[in-house]
């Protein structure tokens, strides 16, 4: 068994990666989850939380919006303090995490992190989940109220923010949590720390501390990567099942090319995660029913770099991050965004690039209908001749074209 099969990945680093991905949906605000985690942990200190509970509150803040994939959903959450369209993303997050044992304790608080206190306290669920859910609700709304004032005089806005929260005491927020918030916010440092340059450093510092959570084995890592793929794939009907099917095809091609089981595991994970950066692409670009203009294309081309930035901080993910980020790279520096030399473009990255293109051709895009098998193969051949795809991998796919076609259509496990 290879080194990767024996290695274990830090769960907290994966949680931070999930937050980094989901926060991209905010477009111009990419630190919401970090700030909610920070606010929740500071209020938790005032409530007398022990270290384990403080860690849980911070990580719950990072994860609370894992059900948000689209700009429209994000916009509804930030434009209306107590809107009626909040529950869907709570349910999505709940279903994503409830079957994954290492993160299953977060599922119930995420399901109820927009449930008003008057309703929440009457539910037949454990008190820990009740407290954590309401703590995140209050922390989330504090950040939404404060967001317009970051870098623009946040200390002058604090009194108005506190007053707004007090107005919803008893109805939406537990009075004990409101009281703890009022004690925490008396420090100017509480507010200053929320500004982008500080909250990013705070999260980096937290990442350095050893987590008391168990490390993830390869099987768990695949399951968590599947969850992350689902977050991306639900962004649009045109991305539905894309990451999952690319991962399956990449593993199939890697195995038939003769790569080791360890490398096949890694390339499958890279396939699941390769499009995380697409969460930062505006919905209107991703779903535009005609070809992109130059500006839109330049925005689209940023997504694989965003993927790299999300993954490269995870210890043990160095190769996976590069393979995932190189899925639009071709031979001789063709492609984007890194333009690696041939010697730096690994066979695993080349496999993933072919799998990605073939799946898109078969699935179709907003401006290009799905292709039948013969047309898709013809297109792959053209791209290989142009140096955009590795010819040896394209030939391997052609030799197994019926099986590969079934995989990308979702008709083969």
Protein backbone atom coordinates (compact mmCIF):
# COMPACT_ATOMS: atom_id res chain seq x y z
CA UNK A 1 0.00 0.00 0.00
CA UNK A 2 1.39 3.40 -1.00
CA UNK A 3 2.29 6.33 1.21
CA UNK A 4 -0.89 8.24 0.38
CA UNK A 5 -3.04 5.25 1.33
CA UNK A 6 -1.36 5.25 4.74
CA UNK A 7 -1.38 9.01 5.18
CA UNK A 8 -4.10 10.90 6.99
CA UNK A 9 -5.39 14.39 6.31
CA UNK A 10 -6.20 17.02 8.94
CA UNK A 11 -9.97 17.53 9.12
CA UNK A 12 -9.68 21.16 10.22
CA UNK A 13 -7.66 21.99 7.10
CA UNK A 14 -10.41 20.42 5.01
CA UNK A 15 -13.06 22.44 6.90
CA UNK A 16 -11.12 25.63 6.17
CA UNK A 17 -10.95 24.58 2.50
CA UNK A 18 -14.73 24.10 2.42
CA UNK A 19 -15.21 27.59 3.87
CA UNK A 20 -12.76 29.05 1.35
CA UNK A 21 -14.73 27.44 -1.48
CA UNK A 22 -18.22 28.34 -0.25
CA UNK A 23 -17.18 31.91 0.56
CA UNK A 24 -16.29 32.41 -3.12
CA UNK A 25 -20.03 32.50 -3.82
CA UNK A 26 -20.07 35.87 -2.05
CA UNK A 27 -18.00 37.25 -4.95
CA UNK A 28 -16.74 40.45 -3.27
CA UNK A 29 -17.02 39.08 0.27
CA UNK A 30 -14.95 35.96 0.74
CA UNK A 31 -14.55 35.88 4.53
CA UNK A 32 -18.11 35.54 5.84
CA UNK A 33 -17.64 32.03 7.24
CA UNK A 34 -14.38 33.01 8.96
CA UNK A 35 -16.02 36.00 10.61
CA UNK A 36 -19.04 34.01 11.79
CA UNK A 37 -16.70 31.41 13.28
CA UNK A 38 -14.70 34.11 15.03
CA UNK A 39 -17.79 35.88 16.41
CA UNK A 40 -19.25 32.58 17.63
CA UNK A 41 -16.02 31.60 19.39
CA UNK A 42 -15.71 35.01 21.09
CA UNK A 43 -19.29 34.82 22.35
CA UNK A 44 -18.60 31.22 23.37
CA UNK A 45 -15.78 32.40 25.62
CA UNK A 46 -18.23 34.72 27.38
CA UNK A 47 -20.59 31.78 27.80
CA UNK A 48 -17.83 29.76 29.46
CA UNK A 49 -17.30 27.23 26.68
CA UNK A 50 -14.44 24.78 27.14
CA UNK A 51 -11.80 24.32 24.43
CA UNK A 52 -13.69 21.57 22.59
CA UNK A 53 -16.87 23.66 22.42
CA UNK A 54 -14.93 26.73 21.28
CA UNK A 55 -13.35 24.70 18.49
CA UNK A 56 -16.76 23.35 17.52
CA UNK A 57 -18.29 26.85 17.44
CA UNK A 58 -15.51 28.19 15.24
CA UNK A 59 -15.68 25.26 12.82
CA UNK A 60 -19.49 25.44 12.75
CA UNK A 61 -19.15 29.06 11.72
CA UNK A 62 -16.85 28.01 8.89
CA UNK A 63 -19.30 25.34 7.72
CA UNK A 64 -22.68 26.93 8.36
CA UNK A 65 -23.26 28.06 4.76
CA UNK A 66 -22.04 24.90 3.04
CA UNK A 67 -25.48 24.63 1.43
CA UNK A 68 -24.99 27.89 -0.52
CA UNK A 69 -23.79 27.49 -4.12
CA UNK A 70 -25.45 30.26 -6.14
CA UNK A 71 -25.27 34.05 -6.18
CA UNK A 72 -29.06 34.26 -5.99
CA UNK A 73 -29.16 32.26 -2.78
CA UNK A 74 -26.29 34.26 -1.30
CA UNK A 75 -27.96 37.53 -2.24
CA UNK A 76 -31.17 36.57 -0.44
CA UNK A 77 -29.22 35.78 2.72
CA UNK A 78 -27.36 39.10 2.85
CA UNK A 79 -30.08 41.46 1.62
CA UNK A 80 -32.78 40.51 4.12
CA UNK A 81 -32.06 40.27 7.84
CA UNK A 82 -34.82 37.74 8.51
CA UNK A 83 -36.07 36.71 5.08
CA UNK A 84 -38.39 33.82 4.26
CA UNK A 85 -35.99 32.15 1.82
CA UNK A 86 -33.36 31.00 4.30
CA UNK A 87 -34.34 27.42 5.04
CA UNK A 88 -33.38 25.78 1.74
CA UNK A 89 -29.63 26.20 2.19
CA UNK A 90 -29.94 25.00 5.80
CA UNK A 91 -31.57 21.78 4.59
CA UNK A 92 -28.98 21.32 1.85
CA UNK A 93 -26.14 21.71 4.36
CA UNK A 94 -27.84 19.31 6.77
CA UNK A 95 -28.20 16.60 4.13
CA UNK A 96 -24.62 17.06 2.94
CA UNK A 97 -23.13 16.47 6.39
CA UNK A 98 -25.48 14.19 8.30
CA UNK A 99 -24.18 10.93 6.77
CA UNK A 100 -20.50 11.86 7.07
CA UNK A 101 -19.56 10.75 10.58
CA UNK A 102 -16.62 13.13 11.19
CA UNK A 103 -18.87 16.14 10.51
CA UNK A 104 -22.29 14.72 11.43
CA UNK A 105 -22.43 16.67 14.72
CA UNK A 106 -22.62 19.87 12.67
CA UNK A 107 -25.68 18.77 10.71
CA UNK A 108 -28.46 19.65 13.19
CA UNK A 109 -27.07 23.09 14.14
CA UNK A 110 -26.71 23.87 10.42
CA UNK A 111 -30.30 22.77 9.78
CA UNK A 112 -31.54 25.22 12.42
CA UNK A 113 -29.10 28.12 12.14
CA UNK A 114 -31.90 30.39 10.86
CA UNK A 115 -34.62 29.04 13.18
CA UNK A 116 -35.90 31.80 15.53
CA UNK A 117 -35.32 31.19 19.24
CA UNK A 118 -39.04 31.01 20.08
CA UNK A 119 -39.40 28.04 17.71
CA UNK A 120 -35.99 26.53 18.29
CA UNK A 121 -36.33 26.08 22.04
CA UNK A 122 -39.54 24.09 21.54
CA UNK A 123 -37.98 21.55 19.18
CA UNK A 124 -37.25 18.04 20.39
CA UNK A 125 -33.50 18.15 19.76
CA UNK A 126 -30.49 18.09 22.07
CA UNK A 127 -29.65 21.29 23.94
CA UNK A 128 -26.10 21.42 22.55
CA UNK A 129 -27.47 21.66 19.00
CA UNK A 130 -30.03 24.26 20.10
CA UNK A 131 -27.37 26.50 21.66
CA UNK A 132 -24.94 26.13 18.79
CA UNK A 133 -27.61 26.77 16.16
CA UNK A 134 -28.76 29.98 17.83
CA UNK A 135 -25.19 31.09 18.48
CA UNK A 136 -24.46 30.80 14.76
CA UNK A 137 -27.73 32.55 13.87
CA UNK A 138 -26.81 35.56 15.99
CA UNK A 139 -23.17 35.55 14.81
CA UNK A 140 -24.27 35.34 11.19
CA UNK A 141 -26.66 38.26 11.51
CA UNK A 142 -24.08 40.37 13.37
CA UNK A 143 -21.72 39.92 10.44
CA UNK A 144 -24.43 40.79 7.90
CA UNK A 145 -25.21 43.97 9.85
CA UNK A 146 -21.51 44.86 10.18
CA UNK A 147 -20.44 44.04 6.59
CA UNK A 148 -21.20 47.51 5.09
CA UNK A 149 -18.90 49.13 7.67
CA UNK A 150 -15.72 47.03 7.44
CA UNK A 151 -12.83 49.32 6.49
CA UNK A 152 -15.30 52.24 6.80
CA UNK A 153 -15.62 52.95 10.51
CA UNK A 154 -16.89 49.73 12.04
CA UNK A 155 -16.46 51.09 15.58
CA UNK A 156 -18.95 53.86 14.87
CA UNK A 157 -21.55 51.35 13.70
CA UNK A 158 -21.31 48.97 16.66
CA UNK A 159 -23.99 50.69 18.79
CA UNK A 160 -26.57 50.44 16.01
CA UNK A 161 -25.70 46.77 15.41
CA UNK A 162 -26.05 45.91 19.10
CA UNK A 163 -29.39 47.72 19.26
CA UNK A 164 -30.70 45.76 16.27
CA UNK A 165 -29.74 42.45 17.87
CA UNK A 166 -31.36 43.51 21.15
CA UNK A 167 -34.59 44.24 19.29
CA UNK A 168 -34.83 40.53 18.42
CA UNK A 169 -33.94 39.18 21.85
CA UNK A 170 -36.39 36.48 23.00
CA UNK A 171 -38.04 36.22 19.57
CA UNK A 172 -35.04 35.29 17.42
CA UNK A 173 -32.13 35.03 19.86
CA UNK A 174 -31.57 33.39 23.23
CA UNK A 175 -31.28 36.18 25.86
CA UNK A 176 -28.22 34.46 27.34
CA UNK A 177 -26.45 34.51 23.99
CA UNK A 178 -27.42 38.16 23.43
CA UNK A 179 -26.02 39.03 26.84
CA UNK A 180 -22.77 37.19 26.08
CA UNK A 181 -22.52 39.02 22.74
CA UNK A 182 -22.90 42.37 24.50
CA UNK A 183 -20.06 41.49 26.85
CA UNK A 184 -17.83 40.35 23.98
CA UNK A 185 -18.46 43.38 21.78
CA UNK A 186 -17.39 45.88 24.48
CA UNK A 187 -13.83 45.29 23.32
CA UNK A 188 -12.87 47.33 20.26
CA UNK A 189 -10.63 44.42 19.30
CA UNK A 190 -13.72 42.26 18.76
CA UNK A 191 -14.82 44.50 15.91
CA UNK A 192 -11.44 45.39 14.44
CA UNK A 193 -10.53 41.69 14.18
CA UNK A 194 -13.43 41.19 11.76
CA UNK A 195 -11.84 43.25 8.98
CA UNK A 196 -10.43 41.21 6.12
CA UNK A 197 -6.69 41.48 6.78
CA UNK A 198 -7.15 40.46 10.41
CA UNK A 199 -9.73 37.68 10.08
CA UNK A 200 -7.62 35.98 7.41
CA UNK A 201 -4.57 35.98 9.69
CA UNK A 202 -6.68 34.74 12.60
CA UNK A 203 -7.84 31.74 10.56
CA UNK A 204 -4.28 30.99 9.44
CA UNK A 205 -3.21 31.01 13.10
CA UNK A 206 -6.04 28.66 14.07
CA UNK A 207 -5.00 26.31 11.26
CA UNK A 208 -1.53 25.97 12.78
CA UNK A 209 -2.82 24.65 16.10
CA UNK A 210 -3.20 20.91 16.37
CA UNK A 211 -6.81 19.85 16.11
CA UNK A 212 -8.23 17.33 18.55
CA UNK A 213 -10.36 15.83 15.78
CA UNK A 214 -9.31 12.45 14.33
CA UNK A 215 -7.40 12.55 11.05
CA UNK A 216 -9.17 11.45 7.87
CA UNK A 217 -8.24 8.20 6.16
CA UNK A 218 -8.42 7.81 2.38
CA UNK A 219 -11.97 6.46 2.41
CA UNK A 220 -13.21 9.38 4.52
CA UNK A 221 -11.28 11.82 2.36
CA UNK A 222 -13.04 10.52 -0.74
CA UNK A 223 -16.39 10.86 1.00
CA UNK A 224 -15.64 14.44 2.05
CA UNK A 225 -14.37 15.29 -1.43
CA UNK A 226 -17.67 13.93 -2.78
CA UNK A 227 -19.52 16.35 -0.47
CA UNK A 228 -17.41 19.23 -1.77
CA UNK A 229 -18.08 18.13 -5.36
CA UNK A 230 -21.82 18.14 -4.65
CA UNK A 231 -21.57 21.75 -3.41
CA UNK A 232 -20.01 22.79 -6.73
CA UNK A 233 -22.19 20.62 -8.95
CA UNK A 234 -25.44 22.04 -7.55
CA UNK A 235 -24.43 25.57 -8.63
CA UNK A 236 -26.07 25.12 -12.03
CA UNK A 237 -27.96 22.52 -14.09
CA UNK A 238 -24.96 22.64 -16.41
CA UNK A 239 -22.58 21.57 -13.65
CA UNK A 240 -24.84 18.86 -12.18
CA UNK A 241 -22.87 15.63 -11.63
CA UNK A 242 -19.92 17.05 -13.62
CA UNK A 243 -17.24 16.72 -10.93
CA UNK A 244 -18.40 13.27 -9.85
CA UNK A 245 -18.40 11.90 -13.40
CA UNK A 246 -15.05 13.50 -14.26
CA UNK A 247 -13.58 11.86 -11.16
CA UNK A 248 -14.95 8.44 -12.13
CA UNK A 249 -13.65 8.73 -15.68
CA UNK A 250 -10.26 10.02 -14.56
CA UNK A 251 -9.87 7.06 -12.22
CA UNK A 252 -10.93 4.64 -14.97
CA UNK A 253 -8.40 6.09 -17.42
CA UNK A 254 -5.64 6.23 -14.80
CA UNK A 255 -6.20 2.60 -13.89
CA UNK A 256 -6.19 1.45 -17.52
CA UNK A 257 -3.07 3.52 -18.15
CA UNK A 258 -1.34 1.47 -15.46
CA UNK A 259 -1.08 3.99 -12.65
CA UNK A 260 -0.87 2.60 -9.12
CA UNK A 261 -3.94 2.28 -6.88
CA UNK A 262 -2.51 5.10 -4.77
CA UNK A 263 -2.28 7.41 -7.78
CA UNK A 264 -5.77 6.37 -8.86
CA UNK A 265 -7.11 7.36 -5.43
CA UNK A 266 -5.42 10.74 -5.68
CA UNK A 267 -6.58 11.46 -9.21
CA UNK A 268 -10.15 10.54 -8.26
CA UNK A 269 -10.00 13.06 -5.41
CA UNK A 270 -8.47 15.68 -7.73
CA UNK A 271 -11.34 15.06 -10.15
CA UNK A 272 -13.92 15.57 -7.43
CA UNK A 273 -12.30 18.85 -6.39
CA UNK A 274 -11.07 20.28 -9.69
CA UNK A 275 -13.91 22.78 -10.17
CA UNK A 276 -14.15 24.23 -6.66
CA UNK A 277 -13.09 27.58 -8.10
CA UNK A 278 -16.24 27.69 -10.24
CA UNK A 279 -18.13 28.81 -7.15
CA UNK A 280 -16.57 32.24 -7.80
CA UNK A 281 -17.89 32.49 -11.37
CA UNK A 282 -21.01 34.69 -11.58
CA UNK A 283 -24.13 32.65 -12.29
CA UNK A 284 -24.91 34.73 -15.38
CA UNK A 285 -21.56 33.79 -16.92
CA UNK A 286 -21.80 30.12 -16.06
CA UNK A 287 -25.29 29.88 -17.54
CA UNK A 288 -24.94 32.30 -20.48
CA UNK A 289 -26.73 30.67 -23.46
CA UNK A 290 -24.15 31.85 -26.00
CA UNK A 291 -20.38 32.11 -26.25
CA UNK A 292 -18.64 34.27 -23.65
CA UNK A 293 -17.20 37.62 -24.62
CA UNK A 294 -13.56 38.47 -23.88
CA UNK A 295 -14.26 39.91 -20.43
CA UNK A 296 -16.46 36.99 -19.41
CA UNK A 297 -13.89 34.52 -20.71
CA UNK A 298 -11.15 36.21 -18.68
CA UNK A 299 -13.29 35.87 -15.54
CA UNK A 300 -14.04 32.22 -16.32
CA UNK A 301 -10.33 31.46 -16.74
CA UNK A 302 -9.68 32.35 -13.10
CA UNK A 303 -11.55 29.36 -11.68
CA UNK A 304 -8.75 26.78 -11.85
CA UNK A 305 -6.38 29.15 -10.05
CA UNK A 306 -9.03 29.59 -7.35
CA UNK A 307 -9.14 25.80 -7.03
CA UNK A 308 -5.38 25.75 -6.49
CA UNK A 309 -5.55 28.43 -3.81
CA UNK A 310 -8.23 26.49 -1.92
CA UNK A 311 -6.36 23.18 -1.97
CA UNK A 312 -2.67 24.05 -1.76
CA UNK A 313 -2.76 24.81 1.97
CA UNK A 314 -3.83 21.26 2.89
CA UNK A 315 -0.86 19.22 4.05
CA UNK A 316 -0.59 16.09 1.90
CA UNK A 317 -2.50 17.69 -1.00
CA UNK A 318 0.45 19.15 -2.86
CA UNK A 319 0.11 16.91 -5.92
CA UNK A 320 -3.68 16.84 -5.86
CA UNK A 321 -3.80 20.65 -5.82
CA UNK A 322 -1.59 20.85 -8.94
CA UNK A 323 -3.46 18.15 -10.87
CA UNK A 324 -6.80 19.77 -10.09
CA UNK A 325 -5.53 23.24 -11.01
CA UNK A 326 -3.96 22.01 -14.29
CA UNK A 327 -7.18 20.62 -15.78
CA UNK A 328 -7.20 23.32 -18.48
CA UNK A 329 -3.49 23.06 -19.28
CA UNK A 330 -2.21 21.53 -22.53
CA UNK A 331 1.13 20.58 -24.03
CA UNK A 332 3.87 23.12 -24.79
CA UNK A 333 2.35 25.77 -22.52
CA UNK A 334 -1.03 25.78 -24.25
CA UNK A 335 -3.97 26.37 -21.92
CA UNK A 336 -4.36 28.32 -18.66
CA UNK A 337 -3.68 29.64 -16.05
CA UNK A 338 -0.14 28.41 -15.22
CA UNK A 339 1.28 27.33 -18.62
CA UNK A 340 3.54 24.58 -17.20
CA UNK A 341 6.28 23.06 -19.32
CA UNK A 342 5.76 19.51 -20.60
CA UNK A 343 8.03 18.10 -17.90
CA UNK A 344 5.92 19.79 -15.20
CA UNK A 345 2.62 18.60 -16.69
CA UNK A 346 2.27 15.19 -15.04
CA UNK A 347 0.47 12.26 -16.61
CA UNK A 348 -2.16 12.53 -13.85
CA UNK A 349 -2.92 16.14 -14.83
CA UNK A 350 -3.12 15.09 -18.49
CA UNK A 351 -5.56 12.30 -17.63
CA UNK A 352 -7.76 14.71 -15.68
CA UNK A 353 -7.77 17.22 -18.56
CA UNK A 354 -9.02 14.59 -21.03
CA UNK A 355 -11.68 13.37 -18.60
CA UNK A 356 -12.89 16.94 -18.01
CA UNK A 357 -13.17 17.82 -21.70
CA UNK A 358 -14.89 14.56 -22.65
CA UNK A 359 -17.47 14.90 -19.88
CA UNK A 360 -18.27 18.49 -20.90
CA UNK A 361 -18.66 17.50 -24.55
CA UNK A 362 -21.07 14.70 -23.67
CA UNK A 363 -23.00 16.65 -21.03
CA UNK A 364 -23.21 19.85 -23.04
CA UNK A 365 -23.05 23.53 -22.08
CA UNK A 366 -25.56 26.42 -22.14
CA UNK A 367 -24.42 27.30 -25.66
CA UNK A 368 -23.42 23.89 -27.03
CA UNK A 369 -25.67 20.84 -27.19
CA UNK A 370 -24.43 17.53 -25.84
CA UNK A 371 -22.49 15.54 -28.41
CA UNK A 372 -23.01 11.94 -29.50
CA UNK A 373 -20.06 9.63 -28.95
CA UNK A 374 -18.64 9.82 -32.49
CA UNK A 375 -18.68 13.63 -32.52
CA UNK A 376 -17.09 13.82 -29.06
CA UNK A 377 -14.29 11.48 -30.14
CA UNK A 378 -13.72 13.54 -33.29
CA UNK A 379 -13.42 16.68 -31.13
CA UNK A 380 -10.94 15.00 -28.77
CA UNK A 381 -8.81 14.02 -31.77
CA UNK A 382 -8.80 17.63 -32.99
CA UNK A 383 -7.76 18.91 -29.56
CA UNK A 384 -4.99 16.30 -29.34
CA UNK A 385 -3.64 17.38 -32.75
CA UNK A 386 -3.61 20.98 -31.54
CA UNK A 387 -1.61 20.01 -28.45
CA UNK A 388 -4.44 20.85 -26.08
CA UNK A 389 -4.82 17.26 -24.88
CA UNK A 390 -2.39 14.37 -24.40
CA UNK A 391 -2.68 12.07 -27.50
CA UNK A 392 -1.85 8.90 -25.56
CA UNK A 393 -4.71 9.48 -23.12
CA UNK A 394 -7.09 10.37 -25.94
CA UNK A 395 -6.14 7.10 -27.70
CA UNK A 396 -6.73 5.19 -24.47
CA UNK A 397 -10.18 6.71 -24.17
CA UNK A 398 -10.93 5.82 -27.80
CA UNK A 399 -9.94 2.20 -27.14
CA UNK A 400 -12.48 2.10 -24.30
CA UNK A 401 -14.93 4.63 -25.71
CA UNK A 402 -18.17 2.80 -24.93
CA UNK A 403 -17.23 2.34 -21.28
CA UNK A 404 -16.02 5.94 -21.01
CA UNK A 405 -19.19 7.24 -22.66
CA UNK A 406 -21.31 5.31 -20.17
CA UNK A 407 -19.31 6.73 -17.25
CA UNK A 408 -19.75 10.37 -18.26
CA UNK A 409 -23.45 9.79 -18.90
CA UNK A 410 -23.81 8.37 -15.40
CA UNK A 411 -24.72 4.90 -16.66
CA UNK A 412 -21.75 3.03 -15.23
CA UNK A 413 -20.54 2.82 -11.63
